[in-house]
C-alpha atoms as a PDB file:
ATOM      1  CA  MET A   1     168.490  52.375 156.718  1.00  0.00           C
ATOM      2  CA  SER A   2     170.850  49.702 157.604  1.00  0.00           C
ATOM      3  CA  GLY A   3     170.875  46.334 155.953  1.00  0.00           C
ATOM      4  CA  ASP A   4     169.404  44.870 159.096  1.00  0.00           C
ATOM      5  CA  GLN A   5     166.325  47.185 158.754  1.00  0.00           C
ATOM      6  CA  GLU A   6     165.861  46.676 155.186  1.00  0.00           C
ATOM      7  CA  GLN A   7     165.189  43.052 155.708  1.00  0.00           C
ATOM      8  CA  GLN A   8     161.560  41.899 155.902  1.00  0.00           C
ATOM      9  CA  GLU A   9     160.496  40.276 159.328  1.00  0.00           C
ATOM     10  CA  VAL A  10     159.881  36.611 158.996  1.00  0.00           C
ATOM     11  CA  ARG A  11     157.066  35.498 161.190  1.00  0.00           C
ATOM     12  CA  GLU A  12     155.434  32.106 162.106  1.00  0.00           C
ATOM     13  CA  PRO A  13     152.116  31.380 160.821  1.00  0.00           C
ATOM     14  CA  SER A  14     149.451  31.897 163.260  1.00  0.00           C
ATOM     15  CA  PRO A  15     147.670  28.510 164.339  1.00  0.00           C
ATOM     16  CA  GLY A  16     145.560  27.104 161.707  1.00  0.00           C
ATOM     17  CA  HIS A  17     147.081  29.502 158.792  1.00  0.00           C
ATOM     18  CA  GLU A  18     149.927  26.985 158.033  1.00  0.00           C
ATOM     19  CA  VAL A  19     150.688  26.383 154.401  1.00  0.00           C
ATOM     20  CA  SER A  20     151.860  22.883 153.260  1.00  0.00           C
ATOM     21  CA  ARG A  21     154.449  22.512 150.644  1.00  0.00           C
ATOM     22  CA  ARG A  22     151.896  21.076 148.219  1.00  0.00           C
ATOM     23  CA  LYS A  23     149.697  23.978 148.794  1.00  0.00           C
ATOM     24  CA  ALA A  24     152.740  26.596 148.283  1.00  0.00           C
ATOM     25  CA  ILE A  25     153.607  24.920 144.858  1.00  0.00           C
ATOM     26  CA  GLY A  26     150.045  24.877 144.003  1.00  0.00           C
ATOM     27  CA  TYR A  27     150.005  28.899 144.766  1.00  0.00           C
ATOM     28  CA  GLY A  28     153.196  29.284 142.909  1.00  0.00           C
ATOM     29  CA  SER A  29     151.900  27.718 139.733  1.00  0.00           C
ATOM     30  CA  ALA A  30     148.544  29.726 139.742  1.00  0.00           C
ATOM     31  CA  VAL A  31     150.820  32.920 140.089  1.00  0.00           C
ATOM     32  CA  ALA A  32     152.887  31.682 137.198  1.00  0.00           C
ATOM     33  CA  THR A  33     150.086  30.695 134.803  1.00  0.00           C
ATOM     34  CA  GLY A  34     148.496  34.205 135.632  1.00  0.00           C
ATOM     35  CA  VAL A  35     151.668  35.870 134.550  1.00  0.00           C
ATOM     36  CA  VAL A  36     151.830  33.639 131.576  1.00  0.00           C
ATOM     37  CA  ALA A  37     148.354  34.450 130.672  1.00  0.00           C
ATOM     38  CA  ALA A  38     148.733  38.222 131.295  1.00  0.00           C
ATOM     39  CA  GLY A  39     151.973  38.103 128.831  1.00  0.00           C
ATOM     40  CA  LEU A  40     149.627  36.414 126.256  1.00  0.00           C
ATOM     41  CA  LEU A  41     147.156  39.327 126.315  1.00  0.00           C
ATOM     42  CA  GLN A  42     149.983  42.104 125.819  1.00  0.00           C
ATOM     43  CA  PRO A  43     149.412  44.304 122.856  1.00  0.00           C
ATOM     44  CA  ASP A  44     150.611  44.061 119.212  1.00  0.00           C
ATOM     45  CA  PRO A  45     154.631  44.137 119.319  1.00  0.00           C
ATOM     46  CA  ALA A  46     154.528  47.026 117.105  1.00  0.00           C
ATOM     47  CA  GLU A  47     152.671  48.944 119.685  1.00  0.00           C
ATOM     48  CA  ALA A  48     154.895  47.835 122.554  1.00  0.00           C
ATOM     49  CA  ASP A  49     157.990  49.678 121.459  1.00  0.00           C
ATOM     50  CA  THR A  50     156.090  52.985 121.568  1.00  0.00           C
ATOM     51  CA  ARG A  51     155.918  52.131 125.369  1.00  0.00           C
ATOM     52  CA  GLY A  52     159.660  50.862 125.741  1.00  0.00           C
ATOM     53  CA  GLY A  53     158.770  47.187 125.356  1.00  0.00           C
ATOM     54  CA  SER A  54     160.688  44.546 123.233  1.00  0.00           C
ATOM     55  CA  VAL A  55     160.401  44.288 119.292  1.00  0.00           C
ATOM     56  CA  ALA A  56     160.187  41.181 117.385  1.00  0.00           C
ATOM     57  CA  LEU A  57     163.156  40.432 115.230  1.00  0.00           C
ATOM     58  CA  ARG A  58     162.562  38.620 111.866  1.00  0.00           C
ATOM     59  CA  SER A  59     165.416  36.820 110.447  1.00  0.00           C
ATOM     60  CA  VAL A  60     166.108  34.457 107.498  1.00  0.00           C
ATOM     61  CA  SER A  61     165.358  30.636 108.318  1.00  0.00           C
ATOM     62  CA  LEU A  62     167.518  27.878 107.473  1.00  0.00           C
ATOM     63  CA  ALA A  63     165.427  26.577 104.856  1.00  0.00           C
ATOM     64  CA  GLN A  64     165.495  30.059 103.066  1.00  0.00           C
ATOM     65  CA  ALA A  65     169.179  30.437 103.531  1.00  0.00           C
ATOM     66  CA  ASN A  66     169.786  27.145 101.865  1.00  0.00           C
ATOM     67  CA  ARG A  67     167.610  27.909  99.169  1.00  0.00           C
ATOM     68  CA  ILE A  68     169.504  31.049  98.336  1.00  0.00           C
ATOM     69  CA  VAL A  69     172.651  29.483  98.447  1.00  0.00           C
ATOM     70  CA  ALA A  70     171.576  26.704  96.137  1.00  0.00           C
ATOM     71  CA  ALA A  71     170.252  29.172  93.564  1.00  0.00           C
ATOM     72  CA  GLY A  72     173.552  30.853  93.637  1.00  0.00           C
ATOM     73  CA  VAL A  73     175.607  27.862  92.889  1.00  0.00           C
ATOM     74  CA  ALA A  74     173.074  26.529  90.152  1.00  0.00           C
ATOM     75  CA  TYR A  75     173.180  30.127  88.438  1.00  0.00           C
ATOM     76  CA  VAL A  76     176.956  29.745  88.446  1.00  0.00           C
ATOM     77  CA  GLY A  77     177.115  26.262  87.154  1.00  0.00           C
ATOM     78  CA  SER A  78     174.563  27.196  84.307  1.00  0.00           C
ATOM     79  CA  HIS A  79     177.111  30.080  83.073  1.00  0.00           C
ATOM     80  CA  ALA A  80     180.192  28.962  82.000  1.00  0.00           C
ATOM     81  CA  GLU A  81     181.629  32.454  81.842  1.00  0.00           C
ATOM     82  CA  ILE A  82     181.238  32.851  85.659  1.00  0.00           C
ATOM     83  CA  PRO A  83     184.317  31.602  87.899  1.00  0.00           C
ATOM     84  CA  PRO A  84     183.444  29.184  91.117  1.00  0.00           C
ATOM     85  CA  MET A  85     181.972  31.243  93.973  1.00  0.00           C
ATOM     86  CA  TYR A  86     181.897  31.245  97.490  1.00  0.00           C
ATOM     87  CA  VAL A  87     178.057  32.066  98.475  1.00  0.00           C
ATOM     88  CA  LEU A  88     177.165  33.057 101.760  1.00  0.00           C
ATOM     89  CA  VAL A  89     173.730  33.692 103.692  1.00  0.00           C
ATOM     90  CA  VAL A  90     173.806  35.773 106.929  1.00  0.00           C
ATOM     91  CA  ASP A  91     170.913  36.405 109.519  1.00  0.00           C
ATOM     92  CA  VAL A  92     169.733  39.705 110.294  1.00  0.00           C
ATOM     93  CA  SER A  93     172.517  39.935 113.071  1.00  0.00           C
ATOM     94  CA  GLY A  94     175.242  39.301 110.209  1.00  0.00           C
ATOM     95  CA  ASP A  95     176.066  35.859 111.635  1.00  0.00           C
ATOM     96  CA  GLU A  96     176.689  32.940 109.026  1.00  0.00           C
ATOM     97  CA  LYS A  97     173.362  30.924 108.496  1.00  0.00           C
ATOM     98  CA  ALA A  98     174.233  28.738 105.332  1.00  0.00           C
ATOM     99  CA  SER A  99     177.185  28.795 102.780  1.00  0.00           C
ATOM    100  CA  ARG A 100     178.685  26.946  99.981  1.00  0.00           C
ATOM    101  CA  ARG A 101     182.228  27.379  98.741  1.00  0.00           C
ATOM    102  CA  MET A 102     182.475  26.070  95.019  1.00  0.00           C
ATOM    103  CA  ASP A 103     185.723  24.123  94.006  1.00  0.00           C
ATOM    104  CA  GLY A 104     188.355  26.263  92.687  1.00  0.00           C
ATOM    105  CA  ASN A 105     187.198  29.365  94.289  1.00  0.00           C
ATOM    106  CA  SER A 106     189.766  32.063  95.002  1.00  0.00           C
ATOM    107  CA  PRO A 107     190.827  31.715  98.810  1.00  0.00           C
ATOM    108  CA  ALA A 108     190.486  35.763  99.166  1.00  0.00           C
ATOM    109  CA  SER A 109     186.461  34.885  98.956  1.00  0.00           C
ATOM    110  CA  VAL A 110     187.017  33.544 102.457  1.00  0.00           C
ATOM    111  CA  THR A 111     187.947  36.738 103.853  1.00  0.00           C
ATOM    112  CA  LEU A 112     186.064  39.109 101.455  1.00  0.00           C
ATOM    113  CA  VAL A 113     182.487  37.626 101.325  1.00  0.00           C
ATOM    114  CA  PRO A 114     181.765  37.715 105.046  1.00  0.00           C
ATOM    115  CA  ILE A 115     182.474  41.307 104.999  1.00  0.00           C
ATOM    116  CA  LYS A 116     180.434  41.950 102.195  1.00  0.00           C
ATOM    117  CA  ALA A 117     177.425  39.913 103.672  1.00  0.00           C
ATOM    118  CA  ARG A 118     177.709  42.082 107.011  1.00  0.00           C
ATOM    119  CA  THR A 119     177.783  45.297 104.986  1.00  0.00           C
ATOM    120  CA  ALA A 120     174.792  44.545 103.152  1.00  0.00           C
ATOM    121  CA  VAL A 121     172.815  43.745 106.374  1.00  0.00           C
ATOM    122  CA  SER A 122     174.266  46.649 108.196  1.00  0.00           C
ATOM    123  CA  PHE A 123     173.335  49.078 105.666  1.00  0.00           C
ATOM    124  CA  ARG A 124     170.312  47.480 104.233  1.00  0.00           C
ATOM    125  CA  ALA A 125     171.656  47.980 100.906  1.00  0.00           C
ATOM    126  CA  ALA A 126     173.696  46.260  98.050  1.00  0.00           C
ATOM    127  CA  THR A 127     177.218  46.654  98.212  1.00  0.00           C
ATOM    128  CA  ALA A 128     177.460  47.830  94.591  1.00  0.00           C
ATOM    129  CA  ASP A 129     175.047  50.434  95.362  1.00  0.00           C
ATOM    130  CA  LEU A 130     176.792  51.686  98.291  1.00  0.00           C
ATOM    131  CA  ALA A 131     180.047  51.736  96.200  1.00  0.00           C
ATOM    132  CA  ALA A 132     178.226  53.972  93.465  1.00  0.00           C
ATOM    133  CA  ARG A 133     177.145  56.646  95.971  1.00  0.00           C
ATOM    134  CA  THR A 134     180.603  56.533  97.948  1.00  0.00           C
ATOM    135  CA  THR A 135     183.153  58.706  95.990  1.00  0.00           C
ATOM    136  CA  ASP A 136     184.787  60.667  98.784  1.00  0.00           C
ATOM    137  CA  PRO A 137     188.070  59.343  99.479  1.00  0.00           C
ATOM    138  CA  ALA A 138     187.596  59.956 103.216  1.00  0.00           C
ATOM    139  CA  ARG A 139     184.277  58.211 103.223  1.00  0.00           C
ATOM    140  CA  ILE A 140     185.670  55.353 101.579  1.00  0.00           C
ATOM    141  CA  ALA A 141     188.546  55.022 104.002  1.00  0.00           C
ATOM    142  CA  SER A 142     186.038  55.329 106.889  1.00  0.00           C
ATOM    143  CA  PHE A 143     183.842  52.326 105.636  1.00  0.00           C
ATOM    144  CA  THR A 144     186.870  50.149 104.913  1.00  0.00           C
ATOM    145  CA  SER A 145     188.456  50.919 108.244  1.00  0.00           C
ATOM    146  CA  ALA A 146     185.543  50.196 110.139  1.00  0.00           C
ATOM    147  CA  GLY A 147     185.317  46.837 108.591  1.00  0.00           C
ATOM    148  CA  PHE A 148     182.892  47.234 105.796  1.00  0.00           C
ATOM    149  CA  SER A 149     183.207  46.500 101.976  1.00  0.00           C
ATOM    150  CA  LEU A 150     182.176  48.652  98.810  1.00  0.00           C
ATOM    151  CA  LEU A 151     182.691  45.680  96.492  1.00  0.00           C
ATOM    152  CA  GLY A 152     180.026  44.264  94.728  1.00  0.00           C
ATOM    153  CA  GLY A 153     178.347  41.063  95.422  1.00  0.00           C
ATOM    154  CA  GLY A 154     176.569  41.724  99.081  1.00  0.00           C
ATOM    155  CA  ARG A 155     172.912  42.344  98.579  1.00  0.00           C
ATOM    156  CA  PRO A 156     170.206  42.443 101.522  1.00  0.00           C
ATOM    157  CA  ILE A 157     167.507  39.881 101.772  1.00  0.00           C
ATOM    158  CA  VAL A 158     164.117  41.670 102.050  1.00  0.00           C
ATOM    159  CA  GLU A 159     160.985  39.948 102.991  1.00  0.00           C
ATOM    160  CA  LYS A 160     157.663  41.925 103.606  1.00  0.00           C
ATOM    161  CA  GLY A 161     159.584  45.229 103.790  1.00  0.00           C
ATOM    162  CA  ALA A 162     161.946  43.792 106.389  1.00  0.00           C
ATOM    163  CA  VAL A 163     165.658  43.041 106.072  1.00  0.00           C
ATOM    164  CA  ILE A 164     166.099  39.615 107.626  1.00  0.00           C
ATOM    165  CA  GLY A 165     169.595  38.722 106.362  1.00  0.00           C
ATOM    166  CA  ALA A 166     171.985  39.352 103.433  1.00  0.00           C
ATOM    167  CA  VAL A 167     173.651  37.053 100.632  1.00  0.00           C
ATOM    168  CA  ALA A 168     177.303  37.929  99.552  1.00  0.00           C
ATOM    169  CA  VAL A 169     179.253  36.200  96.646  1.00  0.00           C
ATOM    170  CA  GLY A 170     182.792  36.244  95.877  1.00  0.00           C
ATOM    171  CA  GLY A 171     185.443  34.832  93.108  1.00  0.00           C
ATOM    172  CA  GLY A 172     184.809  36.911  90.153  1.00  0.00           C
ATOM    173  CA  THR A 173     184.762  40.423  89.141  1.00  0.00           C
ATOM    174  CA  PRO A 174     182.412  42.825  91.282  1.00  0.00           C
ATOM    175  CA  GLU A 175     179.973  42.925  88.532  1.00  0.00           C
ATOM    176  CA  GLN A 176     179.872  38.984  88.218  1.00  0.00           C
ATOM    177  CA  ASP A 177     179.827  38.750  92.100  1.00  0.00           C
ATOM    178  CA  ASP A 178     176.608  41.058  91.916  1.00  0.00           C
ATOM    179  CA  GLN A 179     175.151  39.316  89.223  1.00  0.00           C
ATOM    180  CA  VAL A 180     175.424  35.879  91.148  1.00  0.00           C
ATOM    181  CA  ALA A 181     173.848  37.537  94.326  1.00  0.00           C
ATOM    182  CA  LYS A 182     170.960  38.720  92.278  1.00  0.00           C
ATOM    183  CA  ALA A 183     170.601  35.411  91.020  1.00  0.00           C
ATOM    184  CA  ALA A 184     171.046  33.781  94.389  1.00  0.00           C
ATOM    185  CA  LEU A 185     168.013  36.056  95.834  1.00  0.00           C
ATOM    186  CA  ARG A 186     165.511  34.549  93.088  1.00  0.00           C
ATOM    187  CA  GLY A 187     165.861  31.413  95.078  1.00  0.00           C
ATOM    188  CA  LEU A 188     163.976  33.104  97.747  1.00  0.00           C
END
């Protein structure tokens, strides 16, 4: 078919069947309302993905992220043996949601902490646990060359069995970082 043949024929309305602009807008509103109502009658999202539909994606809220960060900073403040930390919360996509970098924190944390957070949310596991399970040098190289971290201090945020983000901490030893990350999660 040529482009001309594919176009629909436009006809003038027959006498007595004209539609005013107001009536056309009314018809459009009725159709839009029907489409919205039909959307509200869709099945549960958990069922939709079995038929190729979309899936709802839960993520950490700003209020939750702020509570986690505050709990991490408070924990450091109450433990003199722990150095100043950078505490970061990312959402389910690995994007920053909230953070606080304490005075005196190492500049290296600014680079390392976001990588820990993205690793924890991507693998849905604590970075310390990933490190403990990863001893093969080739596998370690593949993790780090892909931009992930096996340093302790990154932990997923889990709510009702779903990973909704991650917290990552840096500024001390990997063990201290992980200790503060665990304490920060208690703020949730």
